[in-house]
């Protein structure tokens, strides 16, 4: 599975902008290798991960979170969601997130509307999406 450059760029942005992550609730959409979510986890956030493909979660995301999330992942165990953005808010339940992270997740223009609706439903009232 490919590591998308946008995920590395997003981590660099979070660091450069000194985005406060400690104590925040975070979800990474289209997580793949989950670099941004793992960074948030290491910085003290509680993080959930979503990818369309369950195989990606099982073979890439979960092992990467276990290896690189370390003690943070043990203290604040992430949840993992497979499936499309349309079903995610219902699967995630009532939980609202302080931050929604996503990088290089749109491959077709028509998917942008579903992504925006998902972000809108998942974000807490004062939440921010990157």
Foldseek 3Di string as FASTA:
>chain_A
DDDDPQLVVVLVVCVVVVPQLADFEEEEEQQQLNSVQLSSLCNHHQYAYEHQDVCSCVPHNVVSCPVRNPPSCVVRPYHYYYRDLQCVLVVVDQAAGQEYEYTPPDPDPVCVVSVVVSNVSRHDPNHDYD
